[in-house]
Amino acid sequence: MSTNIRKFRIINKIEKNIITSSISKISPEIIPVLEYNKLSLFISFNTIGFEDQLPSIYLIPNDLTKTVVNVEQETEVCSAGVYFGFIKIDQFYLSLEGTEFLYRLNTFPKNTQLISNDEGEKAILYGNRILKKYITKIPQTLKKNELVLILNKSKELICLALCQEDYSKTQALNLNDIIALNLIDKGYYLRKKQ
């Protein structure tokens, strides 16, 4: 018998409350958009084995949920659909894939989107912090400790970041001062150990 048994199921009420509470802080439009697009949330976690494994959340179209449930009864399912994020200590953390999925559905407010220049795009994809000199467009309603999307000049998502200053304070920053912390970027997948 395997010492690393995985479970994959529809989220329960407690997990839904954790996810809903966390996502509502990003944008109140997200949950209605998920419901409108008929998407279900599933959770995947280890019941035995790795202690550092966090419960992962996946988005699956409602019309595929019965299929996934039936497959899970026959074999171990590790993931399905779009990796949406993970839960850690009663908090839901959005993944880069989940962020991009929501961005394409236009659920992120424009005031959380920063545009990088070419130099910034390269630096950010290497995992660096987001400096003022890397950003060409900063929304006037930007708030400290807010999740922000970093887009390249083609408006493609390259990073999910945590804002470090309100817009009013960014104006006084030097070019090499930090505007946001890189939480996860698209270069991560190339940098991580395989």
Foldseek 3Di string as FASTA:
>chain_A
DDQWAKDKAFDDPLVVVLAQVQVVLQPVVVVVVLVVQQWTKMWMDTPGDDPPTFIWIAIDHNVCRVVVVVVVVVDPDRDDHFGAFTDDPSHTDGDPRNVQVVVVVVRGDPQQEWEFEPVQLVCVLVQDFRFQLGTDDHRQQDAAQHWHFYAYPVRHTFFIWGAHHHNVVSVVDDRGDGGTHTPDGPSVVVVDDD
